[in-house]
Amino acid sequence: MIHKQNDYILRKEVCMCRNYVKLIHIGLVMFFVPAILSAHWYWYWDDFPVGSGEIDCGFAVSNAHPDDKQNQGGYIMAGVYDGNDLYLVRMQPYSGTLDTFWAKSPLIENHEATSIKPTKTFFEPLQNSWIPGYIITGFRYTPRDIFLLRTYLNGNPISGWPKWYAEGRGNSVQNTSDNGSILVGLYPNPDTTWGKRGDDWYILKTNNAGVPQWTTIFGDRKDDVAWEVQQCAEGGYIVVGTLREPTDTTDTFIYIMYLTQSGQIIWRSRYSIPGGREQGHSVQQLPDSGFIVAGTVHARTGSSKQFLWRTTSYGGTRWTREYTPAGHDSASGWSVKVNRAGNYVVAGDTRQITSLYVDTDIFLTETNSSGTLVNSTVYHASVDSCWQGAI
């Protein structure tokens, strides 16, 4: 949660001719009363020096590090500068206007960030303490490698970073209880059985210095991708993503996997509808050690619905729910969080097909612990885009 309220900040990818990045902050001060969620503020720039006619996108956003005493509160965002360079923007807390503490553009050339989290960067013996900072993953453009980057609180890279690993793309990174990191993403499999190279899940655990401790590559050599990883209360890891049916070229299903701290797979579970296309994007562990999974279910007609899957602690299904706002053709779920009331908040997008174009908006839903819809809102943005998360 952000500050002392049940607030969420969404990240939005905007790609257009004169590009800018826009963040939408959904104010949930009245979240527990039966009222429509309201857009509290939004912020964008087109005069900030993050590009000159090239594609500038904000792909990853997080709460700022709580140990940042110089610039307290607010958020940090990572994205793409001038089409292919990584940048960081450190934003102040919202207080009527949203300003920046600092920006690094470009921070590293030829890299794109997809996930950023507060972390402990390294141990300083003279201070007898861990130095706070940020951990970032994504991919390098050329060659197409997964990377990890640790920075100080001011955004400057730690000496010796970034580190590069296998070919592919990192989608999610988490600091681990041993002050290392775990990331998930995709790895291009060289098998061309299906006429082209497919992708597999890629899971990498490193120590604090970025040295790999174990790696898991998993999939059916088709278009498989791991989207998010979380460390569980008992120390293991839960990963969610999408797998494609091994004997079919179109059907996909949601897949979750639980691994020990040493990378041993304990159990796996899937959700699928015969003839459907399901995608798993986000997962959170619940107080009873079960899990809530958010994603998207697609129909053969081309429409889709935002999807929630509630599981037991071993991946068994308790219930599933689907949501689409009235008057819209499709919806998706990209991120799920649990608020103080124990309800589930899902961030995604929704599309309304008009006579001229397909309009993409924010779709934010809140459900109770049984999946019953408590509240929802659609926020219309001024440009078509893809909303892919909340913190």
Protein backbone atom coordinates (compact mmCIF):
# COMPACT_ATOMS: atom_id res chain seq x y z
CA MET A 1 0.00 0.00 0.00
CA ILE A 2 1.09 3.55 -0.55
CA HIS A 3 1.37 5.84 2.46
CA LYS A 4 -1.53 5.33 4.92
CA GLN A 5 -4.29 4.83 2.39
CA ASN A 6 -5.32 1.95 0.15
CA ASP A 7 -3.93 3.70 -2.90
CA TYR A 8 -2.57 2.15 -6.04
CA ILE A 9 -0.45 3.51 -8.83
CA LEU A 10 -0.79 1.99 -12.26
CA ARG A 11 1.83 1.87 -14.93
CA LYS A 12 0.94 2.57 -18.50
CA GLU A 13 2.82 1.94 -21.70
CA VAL A 14 2.22 4.73 -24.20
CA CYS A 15 3.76 4.51 -27.66
CA MET A 16 2.94 7.27 -30.12
CA CYS A 17 4.66 9.81 -32.37
CA ARG A 18 5.43 12.49 -29.75
CA ASN A 19 5.47 10.09 -26.88
CA TYR A 20 5.00 10.68 -23.23
CA VAL A 21 4.50 8.60 -20.15
CA LYS A 22 1.35 8.91 -18.07
CA LEU A 23 0.64 7.48 -14.65
CA ILE A 24 -2.83 7.13 -13.25
CA HIS A 25 -3.27 7.14 -9.48
CA ILE A 26 -6.55 5.67 -8.31
CA GLY A 27 -7.58 7.18 -4.99
CA LEU A 28 -9.27 4.62 -2.73
CA VAL A 29 -9.80 6.71 0.40
CA MET A 30 -13.51 5.77 0.30
CA PHE A 31 -12.65 2.25 -0.83
CA PHE A 32 -14.76 0.44 1.77
CA VAL A 33 -18.02 2.22 0.99
CA PRO A 34 -20.25 1.35 -1.99
CA ALA A 35 -19.05 4.11 -4.29
CA ILE A 36 -17.46 4.17 -7.72
CA LEU A 37 -13.69 4.39 -7.65
CA SER A 38 -12.52 7.76 -8.85
CA ALA A 39 -9.44 8.90 -10.71
CA HIS A 40 -7.51 10.89 -8.13
CA TRP A 41 -4.79 12.29 -10.32
CA TYR A 42 -2.80 11.62 -13.39
CA TRP A 43 0.52 12.91 -14.55
CA TYR A 44 2.30 13.07 -17.84
CA TRP A 45 5.06 14.93 -19.53
CA ASP A 46 5.86 15.85 -23.08
CA ASP A 47 8.53 18.41 -22.28
CA PHE A 48 10.59 16.19 -19.97
CA PRO A 49 13.84 15.19 -21.73
CA VAL A 50 13.07 11.50 -22.21
CA GLY A 51 13.09 11.46 -25.98
CA SER A 52 13.00 13.39 -29.19
CA GLY A 53 10.40 11.84 -31.45
CA GLU A 54 11.34 8.26 -30.56
CA ILE A 55 9.30 5.79 -28.53
CA ASP A 56 9.38 6.56 -24.79
CA CYS A 57 7.54 4.11 -22.55
CA GLY A 58 7.16 3.59 -18.82
CA PHE A 59 7.22 -0.17 -18.24
CA ALA A 60 7.94 -0.56 -14.50
CA VAL A 61 6.90 1.42 -11.43
CA SER A 62 7.30 0.80 -7.71
CA ASN A 63 6.99 2.50 -4.36
CA ALA A 64 10.20 4.31 -3.52
CA HIS A 65 12.61 2.65 -1.12
CA PRO A 66 11.46 3.24 2.49
CA ASP A 67 15.08 3.89 3.56
CA ASP A 68 15.45 6.86 1.23
CA LYS A 69 15.70 9.54 3.94
CA GLN A 70 16.77 12.32 1.59
CA ASN A 71 13.81 11.96 -0.77
CA GLN A 72 11.06 10.35 1.27
CA GLY A 73 7.94 8.78 -0.21
CA GLY A 74 6.80 8.80 -3.80
CA TYR A 75 7.59 6.37 -6.58
CA ILE A 76 10.30 5.23 -8.96
CA MET A 77 9.71 4.36 -12.60
CA ALA A 78 11.88 2.68 -15.22
CA GLY A 79 11.33 2.71 -18.94
CA VAL A 80 12.74 3.30 -22.40
CA TYR A 81 14.44 6.50 -23.54
CA ASP A 82 14.79 7.37 -27.23
CA GLY A 83 13.56 3.98 -28.27
CA ASN A 84 16.26 1.71 -26.80
CA ASP A 85 17.92 3.22 -23.70
CA LEU A 86 16.95 2.60 -20.07
CA TYR A 87 15.95 5.56 -17.91
CA LEU A 88 14.87 6.05 -14.29
CA VAL A 89 12.58 8.74 -12.89
CA ARG A 90 12.22 9.29 -9.14
CA MET A 91 8.85 10.95 -8.46
CA GLN A 92 7.80 12.89 -5.40
CA PRO A 93 4.68 12.00 -3.38
CA TYR A 94 1.54 13.48 -4.83
CA SER A 95 0.45 16.68 -3.08
CA GLY A 96 -1.61 18.52 -5.66
CA THR A 97 1.11 18.23 -8.29
CA LEU A 98 3.51 15.42 -9.08
CA ASP A 99 7.13 16.47 -9.51
CA THR A 100 10.40 14.61 -9.83
CA PHE A 101 13.28 14.39 -7.38
CA TRP A 102 15.63 13.34 -10.17
CA ALA A 103 15.81 11.56 -13.51
CA LYS A 104 18.48 9.48 -15.21
CA SER A 105 18.04 9.51 -18.96
CA PRO A 106 19.63 7.53 -20.35
CA LEU A 107 20.90 5.48 -17.44
CA ILE A 108 22.18 2.60 -19.59
CA GLU A 109 22.13 2.46 -23.37
CA ASN A 110 20.71 -0.47 -25.38
CA HIS A 111 18.58 -1.79 -22.47
CA GLU A 112 14.87 -1.93 -21.64
CA ALA A 113 13.51 -2.27 -18.09
CA THR A 114 10.42 -4.36 -17.32
CA SER A 115 10.48 -4.60 -13.50
CA ILE A 116 11.96 -2.58 -10.62
CA LYS A 117 11.90 -3.20 -6.86
CA PRO A 118 13.49 -1.67 -3.73
CA THR A 119 16.32 -3.85 -2.45
CA LYS A 120 19.47 -4.08 -0.34
CA THR A 121 22.30 -3.65 -2.80
CA PHE A 122 25.39 -4.77 -0.88
CA PHE A 123 26.81 -5.05 2.62
CA GLU A 124 29.12 -2.22 3.74
CA PRO A 125 31.49 -3.54 6.47
CA LEU A 126 32.59 -0.07 7.60
CA GLN A 127 28.97 0.89 8.26
CA ASN A 128 28.03 -2.64 9.34
CA SER A 129 24.83 -2.35 7.34
CA TRP A 130 23.24 -3.12 4.00
CA ILE A 131 23.19 -0.25 1.50
CA PRO A 132 19.64 0.34 0.14
CA GLY A 133 18.90 0.75 -3.54
CA TYR A 134 16.95 -0.79 -6.41
CA ILE A 135 17.02 -3.99 -8.45
CA ILE A 136 15.94 -3.89 -12.11
CA THR A 137 15.45 -6.53 -14.79
CA GLY A 138 14.52 -6.51 -18.45
CA PHE A 139 16.57 -7.21 -21.55
CA ARG A 140 19.46 -5.89 -23.59
CA TYR A 141 18.58 -5.17 -27.22
CA THR A 142 21.80 -6.37 -28.85
CA PRO A 143 22.54 -9.12 -28.05
CA ARG A 144 19.10 -10.04 -26.70
CA ASP A 145 20.12 -10.92 -23.14
CA ILE A 146 18.35 -10.91 -19.78
CA PHE A 147 19.98 -8.50 -17.34
CA LEU A 148 19.98 -7.52 -13.69
CA LEU A 149 20.97 -4.06 -12.52
CA ARG A 150 21.48 -2.83 -8.96
CA THR A 151 21.55 0.89 -8.28
CA TYR A 152 22.03 3.23 -5.35
CA LEU A 153 19.06 5.22 -4.08
CA ASN A 154 20.09 8.07 -6.40
CA GLY A 155 19.76 5.79 -9.42
CA ASN A 156 23.46 5.44 -10.16
CA PRO A 157 24.50 1.86 -10.98
CA ILE A 158 26.56 -0.10 -8.45
CA SER A 159 30.09 -0.75 -9.73
CA GLY A 160 30.23 -3.96 -11.75
CA TRP A 161 26.55 -3.88 -12.72
CA PRO A 162 24.53 -4.70 -14.82
CA LYS A 163 24.98 -8.46 -15.10
CA TRP A 164 23.89 -10.36 -18.20
CA TYR A 165 22.58 -13.90 -18.32
CA ALA A 166 20.81 -16.07 -20.88
CA GLU A 167 19.23 -14.92 -24.11
CA GLY A 168 15.65 -13.80 -23.57
CA ARG A 169 13.70 -11.27 -21.48
CA GLY A 170 13.26 -10.76 -17.74
CA ASN A 171 9.67 -9.91 -16.78
CA SER A 172 9.67 -9.78 -12.97
CA VAL A 173 12.32 -9.48 -10.26
CA GLN A 174 12.10 -9.77 -6.48
CA ASN A 175 14.55 -9.23 -3.68
CA THR A 176 14.87 -12.46 -1.68
CA SER A 177 15.14 -13.07 2.06
CA ASP A 178 18.87 -13.83 1.73
CA ASN A 179 19.36 -10.43 0.00
CA GLY A 180 19.82 -12.09 -3.36
CA SER A 181 17.31 -11.86 -6.17
CA ILE A 182 15.00 -14.05 -8.23
CA LEU A 183 13.78 -13.19 -11.70
CA VAL A 184 11.45 -14.84 -14.20
CA GLY A 185 10.88 -14.28 -17.89
CA LEU A 186 11.25 -16.12 -21.15
CA TYR A 187 14.06 -18.01 -22.86
CA PRO A 188 14.03 -18.64 -26.63
CA ASN A 189 14.25 -22.38 -27.16
CA PRO A 190 16.32 -23.41 -30.21
CA ASP A 191 13.87 -26.19 -31.09
CA THR A 192 12.10 -25.43 -34.40
CA THR A 193 9.67 -28.38 -34.38
CA TRP A 194 6.73 -26.02 -34.82
CA GLY A 195 8.28 -24.12 -37.71
CA LYS A 196 9.83 -21.40 -35.58
CA ARG A 197 11.68 -20.94 -32.32
CA GLY A 198 9.40 -21.01 -29.32
CA ASP A 199 9.86 -19.62 -25.81
CA ASP A 200 10.22 -21.36 -22.45
CA TRP A 201 9.88 -20.18 -18.87
CA TYR A 202 13.12 -18.86 -17.43
CA ILE A 203 13.66 -18.73 -13.64
CA LEU A 204 16.98 -17.51 -12.21
CA LYS A 205 18.07 -17.22 -8.58
CA THR A 206 21.22 -15.21 -7.83
CA ASN A 207 23.13 -14.18 -4.74
CA ASN A 208 23.63 -10.56 -3.77
CA ALA A 209 26.60 -10.22 -6.13
CA GLY A 210 24.51 -11.40 -9.09
CA VAL A 211 26.17 -14.82 -9.30
CA PRO A 212 23.66 -17.49 -10.43
CA GLN A 213 22.78 -20.05 -7.75
CA TRP A 214 20.31 -22.05 -9.79
CA THR A 215 18.34 -21.78 -13.03
CA THR A 216 15.16 -23.49 -14.21
CA ILE A 217 14.05 -23.52 -17.85
CA PHE A 218 10.59 -24.99 -18.28
CA GLY A 219 8.08 -25.32 -21.08
CA ASP A 220 6.94 -27.18 -24.17
CA ARG A 221 9.23 -25.40 -26.64
CA LYS A 222 6.42 -23.14 -27.82
CA ASP A 223 5.20 -19.66 -26.81
CA ASP A 224 5.57 -20.10 -23.03
CA VAL A 225 6.34 -17.19 -20.72
CA ALA A 226 6.68 -16.65 -16.95
CA TRP A 227 5.22 -13.29 -15.96
CA GLU A 228 5.63 -12.85 -12.21
CA VAL A 229 7.41 -14.33 -9.19
CA GLN A 230 6.80 -13.83 -5.48
CA GLN A 231 8.69 -15.19 -2.50
CA CYS A 232 6.27 -16.90 -0.11
CA ALA A 233 6.13 -16.54 3.66
CA GLU A 234 7.70 -19.98 4.15
CA GLY A 235 10.65 -19.06 1.91
CA GLY A 236 9.76 -20.79 -1.36
CA TYR A 237 8.73 -19.13 -4.62
CA ILE A 238 5.45 -19.01 -6.54
CA VAL A 239 5.63 -18.30 -10.29
CA VAL A 240 2.75 -17.59 -12.66
CA GLY A 241 2.72 -17.51 -16.42
CA THR A 242 1.31 -18.95 -19.59
CA LEU A 243 1.96 -22.24 -21.38
CA ARG A 244 0.80 -23.25 -24.82
CA GLU A 245 -0.77 -26.66 -25.35
CA PRO A 246 2.02 -28.93 -26.65
CA THR A 247 -0.18 -30.47 -29.37
CA ASP A 248 -1.98 -27.31 -30.46
CA THR A 249 -0.76 -24.08 -32.04
CA THR A 250 -3.29 -21.66 -30.54
CA ASP A 251 -4.64 -22.79 -27.14
CA THR A 252 -2.86 -21.57 -24.01
CA PHE A 253 -3.48 -22.05 -20.30
CA ILE A 254 -2.60 -20.39 -16.99
CA TYR A 255 0.16 -22.16 -15.09
CA ILE A 256 1.47 -21.72 -11.55
CA MET A 257 4.50 -23.42 -10.06
CA TYR A 258 5.85 -23.62 -6.50
CA LEU A 259 9.60 -24.02 -5.97
CA THR A 260 11.72 -24.37 -2.85
CA GLN A 261 14.48 -21.89 -2.03
CA SER A 262 16.91 -24.24 -3.77
CA GLY A 263 14.81 -24.37 -6.95
CA GLN A 264 13.18 -27.77 -6.52
CA ILE A 265 9.70 -27.90 -8.08
CA ILE A 266 7.23 -29.04 -5.40
CA TRP A 267 3.96 -28.74 -7.29
CA ARG A 268 2.44 -27.34 -10.46
CA SER A 269 -1.13 -26.46 -11.35
CA ARG A 270 -2.97 -25.26 -14.45
CA TYR A 271 -6.27 -23.66 -15.34
CA SER A 272 -7.66 -24.12 -18.82
CA ILE A 273 -10.91 -24.14 -20.75
CA PRO A 274 -11.14 -26.60 -23.68
CA GLY A 275 -10.59 -24.65 -26.86
CA GLY A 276 -9.78 -21.43 -24.99
CA ARG A 277 -6.79 -19.16 -24.57
CA GLU A 278 -5.97 -18.28 -20.96
CA GLN A 279 -3.04 -16.15 -19.79
CA GLY A 280 -1.70 -15.84 -16.24
CA HIS A 281 -0.04 -12.53 -15.36
CA SER A 282 0.09 -11.96 -11.59
CA VAL A 283 0.01 -13.93 -8.32
CA GLN A 284 -0.10 -13.14 -4.60
CA GLN A 285 0.11 -15.43 -1.59
CA LEU A 286 -2.80 -15.13 0.85
CA PRO A 287 -2.82 -15.37 4.66
CA ASP A 288 -4.08 -18.99 4.54
CA SER A 289 -1.08 -19.84 2.28
CA GLY A 290 -3.35 -20.14 -0.75
CA PHE A 291 -2.96 -17.94 -3.81
CA ILE A 292 -4.89 -15.44 -5.89
CA VAL A 293 -4.02 -15.33 -9.59
CA ALA A 294 -5.00 -12.65 -12.11
CA GLY A 295 -5.01 -12.99 -15.85
CA THR A 296 -7.10 -13.00 -19.00
CA VAL A 297 -9.38 -15.55 -20.66
CA HIS A 298 -9.95 -15.23 -24.41
CA ALA A 299 -12.90 -16.52 -26.40
CA ARG A 300 -12.70 -17.81 -29.96
CA THR A 301 -14.77 -14.80 -31.03
CA GLY A 302 -11.89 -12.47 -30.11
CA SER A 303 -13.40 -11.07 -26.91
CA SER A 304 -11.75 -11.53 -23.51
CA LYS A 305 -12.47 -11.18 -19.78
CA GLN A 306 -10.51 -10.19 -16.72
CA PHE A 307 -9.95 -13.35 -14.71
CA LEU A 308 -9.35 -14.32 -11.06
CA TRP A 309 -8.35 -17.79 -9.89
CA ARG A 310 -8.38 -18.57 -6.16
CA THR A 311 -6.34 -21.63 -5.21
CA THR A 312 -5.42 -23.67 -2.16
CA SER A 313 -1.86 -23.76 -0.82
CA TYR A 314 -1.12 -26.60 -3.28
CA GLY A 315 -2.74 -25.08 -6.35
CA GLY A 316 -6.16 -26.68 -6.12
CA THR A 317 -9.04 -24.58 -7.43
CA ARG A 318 -11.39 -22.98 -4.90
CA TRP A 319 -13.16 -20.70 -7.35
CA THR A 320 -12.73 -18.74 -10.57
CA ARG A 321 -14.39 -15.50 -11.66
CA GLU A 322 -14.55 -13.44 -14.85
CA TYR A 323 -15.24 -9.70 -15.19
CA THR A 324 -16.00 -7.34 -18.08
CA PRO A 325 -17.37 -3.80 -17.66
CA ALA A 326 -20.74 -3.03 -19.18
CA GLY A 327 -20.55 -1.68 -22.71
CA HIS A 328 -17.07 -3.05 -23.38
CA ASP A 329 -16.09 -5.93 -25.61
CA SER A 330 -13.00 -7.21 -23.83
CA ALA A 331 -11.02 -6.90 -20.62
CA SER A 332 -7.76 -8.21 -19.17
CA GLY A 333 -6.09 -8.58 -15.77
CA TRP A 334 -2.41 -7.70 -15.39
CA SER A 335 -1.85 -7.29 -11.65
CA VAL A 336 -3.58 -8.38 -8.44
CA LYS A 337 -3.00 -7.05 -4.92
CA VAL A 338 -4.64 -7.70 -1.55
CA ASN A 339 -5.80 -4.61 0.36
CA ARG A 340 -6.17 -4.11 4.12
CA ALA A 341 -9.76 -5.37 4.04
CA GLY A 342 -8.56 -8.66 2.58
CA ASN A 343 -10.21 -7.87 -0.75
CA TYR A 344 -8.58 -8.38 -4.13
CA VAL A 345 -7.80 -5.43 -6.40
CA VAL A 346 -7.10 -6.20 -10.05
CA ALA A 347 -5.61 -3.73 -12.52
CA GLY A 348 -5.93 -4.27 -16.23
CA ASP A 349 -7.38 -2.77 -19.36
CA THR A 350 -10.62 -2.91 -21.29
CA ARG A 351 -11.44 -2.31 -24.91
CA GLN A 352 -14.51 -0.81 -26.54
CA ILE A 353 -14.79 -1.23 -30.27
CA THR A 354 -16.26 1.83 -31.92
CA SER A 355 -16.98 2.54 -35.55
CA LEU A 356 -13.58 4.19 -35.94
CA TYR A 357 -11.08 2.45 -33.68
CA VAL A 358 -10.52 0.18 -30.70
CA ASP A 359 -10.34 2.31 -27.54
CA THR A 360 -8.27 0.91 -24.64
CA ASP A 361 -8.95 2.14 -21.09
CA ILE A 362 -8.00 1.26 -17.52
CA PHE A 363 -10.18 -1.37 -15.85
CA LEU A 364 -9.81 -1.57 -12.06
CA THR A 365 -11.88 -4.02 -10.02
CA GLU A 366 -12.23 -4.87 -6.33
CA THR A 367 -13.74 -8.15 -5.16
CA ASN A 368 -14.25 -9.70 -1.76
CA SER A 369 -12.48 -12.90 -0.71
CA SER A 370 -15.14 -14.96 -2.48
CA GLY A 371 -14.67 -13.17 -5.79
CA THR A 372 -17.92 -11.21 -5.59
CA LEU A 373 -17.51 -7.85 -7.26
CA VAL A 374 -17.46 -5.05 -4.69
CA ASN A 375 -16.55 -2.19 -6.98
CA SER A 376 -15.11 -1.42 -10.39
CA THR A 377 -14.25 1.53 -12.55
CA VAL A 378 -13.21 2.25 -16.10
CA TYR A 379 -10.92 5.22 -16.58
CA HIS A 380 -10.79 6.66 -20.06
CA ALA A 381 -7.38 7.89 -21.16
CA SER A 382 -6.74 10.33 -23.97
CA VAL A 383 -4.62 7.85 -25.97
CA ASP A 384 -4.91 4.16 -26.75
CA SER A 385 -2.46 2.23 -24.63
CA CYS A 386 -1.83 -0.82 -22.47
CA TRP A 387 -2.19 -0.69 -18.70
CA GLN A 388 -0.15 -3.42 -17.10
CA GLY A 389 0.03 -3.25 -13.36
CA ALA A 390 -0.38 -1.75 -9.94
CA ILE A 391 1.69 -1.50 -6.77
